[in-house]
Amino acid sequence: MPKHSTPLSHFDADGHAHMVDVAAKPATRRVARATGSIRMKPSTLRLITAGEAKKGDVLGIARVAAIMATKRTADLIPLCHPLALSHVAVEFFIDSASPAVSLEVTVATTGATGVEMEALTATSVGLLTIYDMLKAADRGMVIEAVRLLEKSGGKSGHWLAAQASEAKSIRKKS
């Protein structure tokens, strides 16, 4: 088989997938923030805000699901390293005008690899949990714009998405 050169670290010289060896990388504080939202009918959003969803506290359960997802990311994404997380924060923002619920997850660790995948997985699972808890009322909900907002730490340093300032302005509306 011919040797391939690739800038992607999850592939070896032969083009085979492998888990990156991070043993020689220094442990640094690493933080990642991700966001996403779920649009729904106004009546569905009222179920959340009034606490009247038949399955219970929608945002409370979605918060726990998101936190649990950070701890299971390495089980779900094949080439992710299992990480000892030092912090997970989950915030919800209600936008009655859309109507939608936005979710922002911040994950931190001190280690040799970043927590972007943990933040993105938590965001996705939190939004999926909202869908699951409300699907009897609104099967047409739309999960959208799941993305990384910011990451810091490691050799690549700080990165901030162009949309991150947009997300902050959306939060202020709520």
N, C-alpha and C. Protein backbone atom coordinates (compact mmCIF):
# COMPACT_ATOMS: atom_id res chain seq x y z
N MET A 1 0.85 -1.18 0.00
CA MET A 1 0.00 0.00 0.00
C MET A 1 0.89 1.24 0.00
N PRO A 2 0.58 2.24 -0.84
CA PRO A 2 1.43 3.43 -0.91
C PRO A 2 1.31 4.29 0.34
N LYS A 3 2.41 4.96 0.64
CA LYS A 3 2.43 5.89 1.78
C LYS A 3 1.76 7.19 1.35
N HIS A 4 0.95 7.77 2.27
CA HIS A 4 0.27 9.03 2.01
C HIS A 4 0.74 10.05 3.03
N SER A 5 0.94 11.27 2.57
CA SER A 5 1.20 12.32 3.55
C SER A 5 -0.11 13.06 3.77
N THR A 6 -0.40 13.35 5.01
CA THR A 6 -1.65 14.02 5.32
C THR A 6 -1.46 14.96 6.50
N PRO A 7 -2.10 16.12 6.45
CA PRO A 7 -2.02 17.03 7.59
C PRO A 7 -2.99 16.61 8.71
N LEU A 8 -3.81 15.63 8.45
CA LEU A 8 -4.78 15.18 9.45
C LEU A 8 -4.11 14.22 10.41
N SER A 9 -4.12 14.55 11.69
CA SER A 9 -3.37 13.76 12.67
C SER A 9 -4.03 12.43 13.02
N HIS A 10 -5.28 12.22 12.65
CA HIS A 10 -5.95 10.96 12.97
C HIS A 10 -5.71 9.86 11.93
N PHE A 11 -4.78 10.13 10.98
CA PHE A 11 -4.43 9.13 9.98
C PHE A 11 -2.92 8.95 9.99
N ASP A 12 -2.49 7.69 9.90
CA ASP A 12 -1.05 7.44 9.87
C ASP A 12 -0.53 7.60 8.44
N ALA A 13 0.76 7.34 8.23
CA ALA A 13 1.39 7.52 6.93
C ALA A 13 0.79 6.62 5.86
N ASP A 14 0.17 5.52 6.27
CA ASP A 14 -0.47 4.61 5.31
C ASP A 14 -1.93 4.96 5.07
N GLY A 15 -2.42 6.01 5.72
CA GLY A 15 -3.80 6.43 5.54
C GLY A 15 -4.79 5.72 6.45
N HIS A 16 -4.29 4.98 7.43
CA HIS A 16 -5.17 4.27 8.36
C HIS A 16 -5.51 5.15 9.56
N ALA A 17 -6.73 5.07 10.00
CA ALA A 17 -7.15 5.83 11.18
C ALA A 17 -6.45 5.29 12.42
N HIS A 18 -6.07 6.17 13.31
CA HIS A 18 -5.47 5.78 14.59
C HIS A 18 -5.72 6.87 15.61
N MET A 19 -5.62 6.50 16.88
CA MET A 19 -5.73 7.49 17.95
C MET A 19 -4.38 8.18 18.09
N VAL A 20 -4.39 9.49 18.07
CA VAL A 20 -3.17 10.28 18.14
C VAL A 20 -2.46 10.03 19.47
N ASP A 21 -1.14 9.87 19.41
CA ASP A 21 -0.33 9.71 20.62
C ASP A 21 -0.06 11.10 21.20
N VAL A 22 -0.65 11.38 22.35
CA VAL A 22 -0.48 12.70 22.98
C VAL A 22 0.47 12.64 24.18
N ALA A 23 1.16 11.53 24.35
CA ALA A 23 2.01 11.34 25.53
C ALA A 23 3.09 12.41 25.67
N ALA A 24 3.64 12.90 24.57
CA ALA A 24 4.72 13.88 24.64
C ALA A 24 4.21 15.31 24.75
N LYS A 25 2.91 15.52 24.62
CA LYS A 25 2.37 16.87 24.69
C LYS A 25 2.26 17.31 26.15
N PRO A 26 2.56 18.56 26.43
CA PRO A 26 2.46 19.03 27.82
C PRO A 26 1.00 19.20 28.23
N ALA A 27 0.74 18.95 29.49
CA ALA A 27 -0.59 19.18 30.03
C ALA A 27 -0.78 20.68 30.22
N THR A 28 -1.83 21.22 29.62
CA THR A 28 -2.18 22.63 29.79
C THR A 28 -3.67 22.71 30.08
N ARG A 29 -4.10 23.84 30.61
CA ARG A 29 -5.53 24.06 30.81
C ARG A 29 -6.16 24.26 29.44
N ARG A 30 -7.22 23.52 29.19
CA ARG A 30 -7.90 23.58 27.90
C ARG A 30 -9.39 23.80 28.15
N VAL A 31 -9.95 24.73 27.43
CA VAL A 31 -11.35 25.08 27.57
C VAL A 31 -11.97 25.16 26.18
N ALA A 32 -13.21 24.70 26.05
CA ALA A 32 -13.94 24.83 24.80
C ALA A 32 -15.38 25.21 25.09
N ARG A 33 -15.93 26.07 24.22
CA ARG A 33 -17.35 26.45 24.30
C ARG A 33 -18.01 26.10 22.98
N ALA A 34 -19.20 25.49 23.07
CA ALA A 34 -19.97 25.16 21.88
C ALA A 34 -21.41 25.61 22.09
N THR A 35 -22.12 25.77 21.00
CA THR A 35 -23.50 26.21 21.07
C THR A 35 -24.34 25.53 19.99
N GLY A 36 -25.63 25.65 20.13
CA GLY A 36 -26.59 25.17 19.15
C GLY A 36 -27.96 25.60 19.60
N SER A 37 -28.96 25.36 18.77
CA SER A 37 -30.31 25.74 19.16
C SER A 37 -31.33 24.76 18.59
N ILE A 38 -32.53 24.85 19.13
CA ILE A 38 -33.65 24.04 18.65
C ILE A 38 -34.86 24.96 18.51
N ARG A 39 -35.34 25.06 17.27
CA ARG A 39 -36.53 25.86 16.99
C ARG A 39 -37.77 24.99 17.15
N MET A 40 -38.86 25.61 17.58
CA MET A 40 -40.09 24.88 17.85
C MET A 40 -41.29 25.80 17.72
N LYS A 41 -42.47 25.23 17.82
CA LYS A 41 -43.70 26.02 17.82
C LYS A 41 -43.76 26.86 19.10
N PRO A 42 -44.42 28.01 19.03
CA PRO A 42 -44.58 28.82 20.25
C PRO A 42 -45.25 28.02 21.38
N SER A 43 -46.21 27.19 21.05
CA SER A 43 -46.90 26.40 22.08
C SER A 43 -45.96 25.40 22.74
N THR A 44 -44.99 24.91 21.99
CA THR A 44 -44.01 23.97 22.55
C THR A 44 -43.08 24.70 23.51
N LEU A 45 -42.64 25.88 23.12
CA LEU A 45 -41.79 26.67 24.00
C LEU A 45 -42.52 27.02 25.29
N ARG A 46 -43.82 27.29 25.20
CA ARG A 46 -44.61 27.59 26.41
C ARG A 46 -44.64 26.39 27.35
N LEU A 47 -44.63 25.18 26.82
CA LEU A 47 -44.57 23.99 27.69
C LEU A 47 -43.31 24.02 28.54
N ILE A 48 -42.20 24.45 27.95
CA ILE A 48 -40.93 24.53 28.68
C ILE A 48 -41.01 25.63 29.73
N THR A 49 -41.38 26.82 29.30
CA THR A 49 -41.34 27.97 30.21
C THR A 49 -42.37 27.88 31.32
N ALA A 50 -43.49 27.21 31.06
CA ALA A 50 -44.53 27.06 32.08
C ALA A 50 -44.30 25.81 32.95
N GLY A 51 -43.31 25.00 32.57
CA GLY A 51 -43.06 23.78 33.33
C GLY A 51 -44.16 22.75 33.20
N GLU A 52 -44.79 22.71 32.01
CA GLU A 52 -45.94 21.83 31.81
C GLU A 52 -45.69 20.65 30.87
N ALA A 53 -44.44 20.38 30.54
CA ALA A 53 -44.14 19.24 29.67
C ALA A 53 -44.46 17.95 30.42
N LYS A 54 -45.10 17.02 29.72
CA LYS A 54 -45.55 15.78 30.37
C LYS A 54 -44.40 14.95 30.93
N LYS A 55 -43.22 15.03 30.31
CA LYS A 55 -42.09 14.23 30.77
C LYS A 55 -41.32 14.88 31.91
N GLY A 56 -41.67 16.12 32.27
CA GLY A 56 -41.01 16.76 33.41
C GLY A 56 -40.22 18.00 33.03
N ASP A 57 -39.23 18.30 33.84
CA ASP A 57 -38.39 19.49 33.71
C ASP A 57 -37.47 19.34 32.50
N VAL A 58 -37.89 19.88 31.37
CA VAL A 58 -37.18 19.69 30.10
C VAL A 58 -35.74 20.19 30.20
N LEU A 59 -35.54 21.41 30.63
CA LEU A 59 -34.19 21.97 30.66
C LEU A 59 -33.33 21.33 31.75
N GLY A 60 -33.93 20.95 32.87
CA GLY A 60 -33.18 20.27 33.92
C GLY A 60 -32.64 18.93 33.44
N ILE A 61 -33.50 18.17 32.77
CA ILE A 61 -33.07 16.86 32.26
C ILE A 61 -32.05 17.04 31.13
N ALA A 62 -32.28 18.03 30.25
CA ALA A 62 -31.33 18.28 29.15
C ALA A 62 -29.97 18.71 29.69
N ARG A 63 -29.95 19.46 30.79
CA ARG A 63 -28.69 19.87 31.41
C ARG A 63 -27.91 18.65 31.90
N VAL A 64 -28.59 17.75 32.59
CA VAL A 64 -27.93 16.54 33.09
C VAL A 64 -27.46 15.67 31.92
N ALA A 65 -28.28 15.55 30.88
CA ALA A 65 -27.89 14.76 29.70
C ALA A 65 -26.64 15.35 29.05
N ALA A 66 -26.57 16.67 28.93
CA ALA A 66 -25.40 17.31 28.33
C ALA A 66 -24.15 17.04 29.16
N ILE A 67 -24.27 17.17 30.46
CA ILE A 67 -23.12 16.90 31.34
C ILE A 67 -22.68 15.44 31.21
N MET A 68 -23.64 14.54 31.22
CA MET A 68 -23.31 13.12 31.07
C MET A 68 -22.63 12.85 29.72
N ALA A 69 -23.08 13.55 28.68
CA ALA A 69 -22.50 13.35 27.35
C ALA A 69 -21.03 13.72 27.31
N THR A 70 -20.63 14.77 28.05
CA THR A 70 -19.21 15.13 28.05
C THR A 70 -18.36 13.97 28.55
N LYS A 71 -18.89 13.27 29.54
CA LYS A 71 -18.13 12.17 30.15
C LYS A 71 -18.14 10.90 29.31
N ARG A 72 -19.00 10.85 28.29
CA ARG A 72 -19.11 9.66 27.44
C ARG A 72 -18.60 9.90 26.02
N THR A 73 -18.04 11.05 25.75
CA THR A 73 -17.61 11.39 24.39
C THR A 73 -16.65 10.37 23.82
N ALA A 74 -15.68 9.92 24.59
CA ALA A 74 -14.71 8.95 24.08
C ALA A 74 -15.38 7.61 23.73
N ASP A 75 -16.53 7.32 24.33
CA ASP A 75 -17.27 6.10 23.99
C ASP A 75 -18.05 6.26 22.69
N LEU A 76 -18.36 7.50 22.32
CA LEU A 76 -19.20 7.76 21.15
C LEU A 76 -18.41 8.14 19.91
N ILE A 77 -17.32 8.86 20.08
CA ILE A 77 -16.49 9.32 18.96
C ILE A 77 -15.23 8.46 18.96
N PRO A 78 -15.07 7.60 17.96
CA PRO A 78 -14.05 6.55 18.01
C PRO A 78 -12.62 6.96 18.33
N LEU A 79 -12.14 8.10 17.86
CA LEU A 79 -10.73 8.44 18.05
C LEU A 79 -10.49 9.48 19.13
N CYS A 80 -11.51 9.78 19.94
CA CYS A 80 -11.35 10.72 21.05
C CYS A 80 -10.71 10.03 22.25
N HIS A 81 -9.86 10.76 22.94
CA HIS A 81 -9.24 10.26 24.16
C HIS A 81 -10.21 10.42 25.33
N PRO A 82 -10.23 9.44 26.24
CA PRO A 82 -11.00 9.66 27.47
C PRO A 82 -10.28 10.72 28.31
N LEU A 83 -11.05 11.68 28.82
CA LEU A 83 -10.44 12.81 29.53
C LEU A 83 -11.02 12.94 30.93
N ALA A 84 -10.18 13.41 31.83
CA ALA A 84 -10.63 13.78 33.17
C ALA A 84 -11.04 15.24 33.10
N LEU A 85 -12.33 15.49 33.12
CA LEU A 85 -12.83 16.85 33.00
C LEU A 85 -12.81 17.54 34.35
N SER A 86 -12.48 18.83 34.35
CA SER A 86 -12.45 19.58 35.59
C SER A 86 -13.67 20.49 35.75
N HIS A 87 -14.37 20.76 34.64
CA HIS A 87 -15.53 21.65 34.73
C HIS A 87 -16.42 21.45 33.51
N VAL A 88 -17.74 21.46 33.76
CA VAL A 88 -18.73 21.47 32.68
C VAL A 88 -19.84 22.43 33.11
N ALA A 89 -20.14 23.40 32.25
CA ALA A 89 -21.25 24.33 32.51
C ALA A 89 -22.20 24.30 31.32
N VAL A 90 -23.49 24.25 31.62
CA VAL A 90 -24.52 24.20 30.59
C VAL A 90 -25.49 25.35 30.84
N GLU A 91 -25.66 26.21 29.85
CA GLU A 91 -26.58 27.34 29.97
C GLU A 91 -27.61 27.29 28.86
N PHE A 92 -28.86 27.60 29.21
CA PHE A 92 -29.94 27.66 28.23
C PHE A 92 -30.40 29.10 28.08
N PHE A 93 -30.80 29.46 26.88
CA PHE A 93 -31.29 30.79 26.58
C PHE A 93 -32.59 30.64 25.79
N ILE A 94 -33.65 31.20 26.34
CA ILE A 94 -34.96 31.14 25.71
C ILE A 94 -35.12 32.34 24.77
N ASP A 95 -35.51 32.09 23.55
CA ASP A 95 -35.77 33.15 22.58
C ASP A 95 -37.22 33.01 22.14
N SER A 96 -38.10 33.74 22.79
CA SER A 96 -39.54 33.66 22.50
C SER A 96 -39.87 34.15 21.11
N ALA A 97 -39.09 35.06 20.57
CA ALA A 97 -39.36 35.60 19.25
C ALA A 97 -39.15 34.57 18.15
N SER A 98 -38.22 33.65 18.30
CA SER A 98 -37.88 32.70 17.23
C SER A 98 -38.95 31.65 16.97
N PRO A 99 -39.58 30.99 17.80
CA PRO A 99 -39.24 30.61 19.18
C PRO A 99 -38.20 29.48 19.17
N ALA A 100 -37.28 29.56 20.12
CA ALA A 100 -36.20 28.58 20.17
C ALA A 100 -35.56 28.55 21.55
N VAL A 101 -34.83 27.49 21.80
CA VAL A 101 -33.97 27.39 22.98
C VAL A 101 -32.56 27.22 22.45
N SER A 102 -31.66 28.08 22.89
CA SER A 102 -30.24 27.93 22.57
C SER A 102 -29.55 27.33 23.78
N LEU A 103 -28.49 26.64 23.51
CA LEU A 103 -27.73 25.94 24.54
C LEU A 103 -26.27 26.30 24.33
N GLU A 104 -25.58 26.61 25.42
CA GLU A 104 -24.14 26.84 25.35
C GLU A 104 -23.48 25.98 26.41
N VAL A 105 -22.45 25.25 26.00
CA VAL A 105 -21.74 24.35 26.90
C VAL A 105 -20.28 24.77 26.95
N THR A 106 -19.74 24.87 28.16
CA THR A 106 -18.33 25.14 28.37
C THR A 106 -17.73 23.93 29.10
N VAL A 107 -16.62 23.43 28.57
CA VAL A 107 -15.96 22.26 29.14
C VAL A 107 -14.50 22.61 29.37
N ALA A 108 -13.93 22.16 30.49
CA ALA A 108 -12.53 22.43 30.80
C ALA A 108 -11.85 21.17 31.33
N THR A 109 -10.55 21.12 31.07
CA THR A 109 -9.69 20.07 31.61
C THR A 109 -8.27 20.61 31.66
N THR A 110 -7.42 19.92 32.36
CA THR A 110 -5.98 20.14 32.26
C THR A 110 -5.42 18.84 31.74
N GLY A 111 -4.87 18.90 30.53
CA GLY A 111 -4.40 17.66 29.92
C GLY A 111 -3.65 17.92 28.64
N ALA A 112 -3.39 16.83 27.91
CA ALA A 112 -2.58 16.88 26.70
C ALA A 112 -3.41 17.02 25.42
N THR A 113 -4.73 17.03 25.55
CA THR A 113 -5.58 17.17 24.37
C THR A 113 -6.81 18.00 24.73
N GLY A 114 -7.41 18.60 23.73
CA GLY A 114 -8.50 19.55 23.94
C GLY A 114 -9.85 18.91 24.21
N VAL A 115 -10.82 19.78 24.51
CA VAL A 115 -12.17 19.34 24.89
C VAL A 115 -13.24 19.83 23.92
N GLU A 116 -12.84 20.14 22.68
CA GLU A 116 -13.82 20.59 21.70
C GLU A 116 -14.89 19.55 21.44
N MET A 117 -14.49 18.30 21.30
CA MET A 117 -15.47 17.25 21.00
C MET A 117 -16.42 17.03 22.16
N GLU A 118 -15.94 17.18 23.38
CA GLU A 118 -16.81 17.06 24.56
C GLU A 118 -17.86 18.16 24.57
N ALA A 119 -17.45 19.39 24.25
CA ALA A 119 -18.40 20.50 24.22
C ALA A 119 -19.43 20.33 23.10
N LEU A 120 -18.98 19.89 21.93
CA LEU A 120 -19.90 19.68 20.81
C LEU A 120 -20.84 18.51 21.06
N THR A 121 -20.33 17.44 21.65
CA THR A 121 -21.18 16.29 21.96
C THR A 121 -22.23 16.66 22.99
N ALA A 122 -21.83 17.39 24.01
CA ALA A 122 -22.77 17.82 25.05
C ALA A 122 -23.86 18.70 24.46
N THR A 123 -23.49 19.61 23.58
CA THR A 123 -24.47 20.48 22.94
C THR A 123 -25.47 19.66 22.14
N SER A 124 -24.98 18.74 21.35
CA SER A 124 -25.86 17.90 20.53
C SER A 124 -26.79 17.06 21.38
N VAL A 125 -26.27 16.43 22.41
CA VAL A 125 -27.09 15.57 23.27
C VAL A 125 -28.10 16.39 24.07
N GLY A 126 -27.70 17.55 24.54
CA GLY A 126 -28.65 18.41 25.25
C GLY A 126 -29.82 18.80 24.37
N LEU A 127 -29.55 19.16 23.12
CA LEU A 127 -30.62 19.52 22.19
C LEU A 127 -31.46 18.31 21.82
N LEU A 128 -30.83 17.17 21.62
CA LEU A 128 -31.59 15.95 21.33
C LEU A 128 -32.50 15.57 22.49
N THR A 129 -32.06 15.83 23.70
CA THR A 129 -32.89 15.54 24.87
C THR A 129 -34.12 16.43 24.90
N ILE A 130 -33.95 17.70 24.56
CA ILE A 130 -35.10 18.60 24.47
C ILE A 130 -36.08 18.04 23.43
N TYR A 131 -35.56 17.64 22.29
CA TYR A 131 -36.42 17.06 21.25
C TYR A 131 -37.16 15.84 21.79
N ASP A 132 -36.44 14.95 22.42
CA ASP A 132 -37.05 13.73 22.94
C ASP A 132 -38.17 14.03 23.94
N MET A 133 -37.94 14.97 24.79
CA MET A 133 -38.92 15.27 25.83
C MET A 133 -40.17 15.98 25.31
N LEU A 134 -40.05 16.59 24.13
CA LEU A 134 -41.17 17.37 23.59
C LEU A 134 -41.71 16.85 22.26
N LYS A 135 -41.19 15.75 21.77
CA LYS A 135 -41.58 15.28 20.43
C LYS A 135 -43.05 14.95 20.33
N ALA A 136 -43.70 14.56 21.41
CA ALA A 136 -45.13 14.28 21.36
C ALA A 136 -45.93 15.55 21.06
N ALA A 137 -45.40 16.69 21.44
CA ALA A 137 -46.08 17.97 21.21
C ALA A 137 -45.69 18.60 19.88
N ASP A 138 -44.46 18.29 19.39
CA ASP A 138 -43.96 19.00 18.21
C ASP A 138 -42.86 18.18 17.53
N ARG A 139 -43.24 17.35 16.58
CA ARG A 139 -42.24 16.54 15.86
C ARG A 139 -41.45 17.36 14.83
N GLY A 140 -41.89 18.59 14.56
CA GLY A 140 -41.23 19.43 13.57
C GLY A 140 -40.13 20.32 14.11
N MET A 141 -39.72 20.10 15.36
CA MET A 141 -38.62 20.91 15.91
C MET A 141 -37.36 20.73 15.06
N VAL A 142 -36.56 21.78 14.98
CA VAL A 142 -35.35 21.75 14.15
C VAL A 142 -34.14 22.08 15.01
N ILE A 143 -33.21 21.15 15.05
CA ILE A 143 -31.93 21.37 15.74
C ILE A 143 -30.99 21.98 14.70
N GLU A 144 -30.32 23.07 15.08
CA GLU A 144 -29.49 23.76 14.09
C GLU A 144 -28.31 24.48 14.73
N ALA A 145 -27.38 24.80 13.86
CA ALA A 145 -26.24 25.66 14.19
C ALA A 145 -25.40 25.14 15.35
N VAL A 146 -25.23 23.83 15.45
CA VAL A 146 -24.32 23.29 16.46
C VAL A 146 -22.90 23.58 15.97
N ARG A 147 -22.14 24.29 16.80
CA ARG A 147 -20.81 24.69 16.37
C ARG A 147 -19.92 25.05 17.56
N LEU A 148 -18.63 25.02 17.30
CA LEU A 148 -17.65 25.43 18.29
C LEU A 148 -17.57 26.95 18.27
N LEU A 149 -17.64 27.55 19.45
CA LEU A 149 -17.52 29.00 19.57
C LEU A 149 -16.10 29.44 19.91
N GLU A 150 -15.45 28.63 20.76
CA GLU A 150 -14.14 29.07 21.26
C GLU A 150 -13.40 27.88 21.84
N LYS A 151 -12.08 27.92 21.70
CA LYS A 151 -11.23 26.94 22.37
C LYS A 151 -9.95 27.62 22.77
N SER A 152 -9.38 27.16 23.88
CA SER A 152 -8.10 27.70 24.31
C SER A 152 -7.27 26.59 24.91
N GLY A 153 -5.95 26.83 24.93
CA GLY A 153 -5.00 25.87 25.49
C GLY A 153 -4.30 25.08 24.41
N GLY A 154 -3.22 24.45 24.82
CA GLY A 154 -2.46 23.63 23.88
C GLY A 154 -1.60 24.45 22.95
N LYS A 155 -0.95 23.74 22.03
CA LYS A 155 -0.01 24.36 21.11
C LYS A 155 -0.68 25.38 20.18
N SER A 156 -1.91 25.11 19.79
CA SER A 156 -2.59 26.02 18.84
C SER A 156 -3.14 27.27 19.52
N GLY A 157 -3.14 27.30 20.86
CA GLY A 157 -3.54 28.51 21.58
C GLY A 157 -5.03 28.79 21.54
N HIS A 158 -5.37 30.07 21.49
CA HIS A 158 -6.76 30.51 21.56
C HIS A 158 -7.35 30.63 20.16
N TRP A 159 -8.59 30.16 20.01
CA TRP A 159 -9.34 30.29 18.76
C TRP A 159 -10.74 30.75 19.10
N LEU A 160 -11.24 31.74 18.36
CA LEU A 160 -12.57 32.27 18.58
C LEU A 160 -13.29 32.31 17.24
N ALA A 161 -14.47 31.70 17.17
CA ALA A 161 -15.25 31.68 15.94
C ALA A 161 -15.75 33.08 15.62
N ALA A 162 -15.86 33.38 14.37
CA ALA A 162 -16.40 34.68 13.95
C ALA A 162 -17.82 34.86 14.45
N GLN A 163 -18.57 33.75 14.56
CA GLN A 163 -19.95 33.81 15.01
C GLN A 163 -20.08 33.95 16.52
N ALA A 164 -18.99 33.87 17.27
CA ALA A 164 -19.08 33.91 18.73
C ALA A 164 -19.66 35.22 19.23
N SER A 165 -19.31 36.33 18.60
CA SER A 165 -19.88 37.61 19.03
C SER A 165 -21.36 37.65 18.70
N GLU A 166 -21.77 37.01 17.60
CA GLU A 166 -23.19 36.91 17.26
C GLU A 166 -23.94 36.13 18.32
N ALA A 167 -23.36 35.04 18.81
CA ALA A 167 -24.00 34.22 19.84
C ALA A 167 -24.19 35.02 21.12
N LYS A 168 -23.23 35.86 21.47
CA LYS A 168 -23.35 36.68 22.66
C LYS A 168 -24.51 37.67 22.54
N SER A 169 -24.71 38.22 21.35
CA SER A 169 -25.80 39.16 21.17
C SER A 169 -27.15 38.45 21.21
N ILE A 170 -27.23 37.23 20.73
CA ILE A 170 -28.45 36.44 20.81
C ILE A 170 -28.80 36.16 22.27
N ARG A 171 -27.80 35.82 23.08
CA ARG A 171 -28.02 35.53 24.49
C ARG A 171 -28.61 36.74 25.20
N LYS A 172 -28.14 37.92 24.86
CA LYS A 172 -28.60 39.13 25.55
C LYS A 172 -30.07 39.40 25.29
N LYS A 173 -30.62 38.90 24.16
CA LYS A 173 -32.03 39.09 23.84
C LYS A 173 -32.93 38.35 24.82
N SER A 174 -32.44 37.25 25.35
CA SER A 174 -33.26 36.36 26.19
C SER A 174 -33.53 36.94 27.55
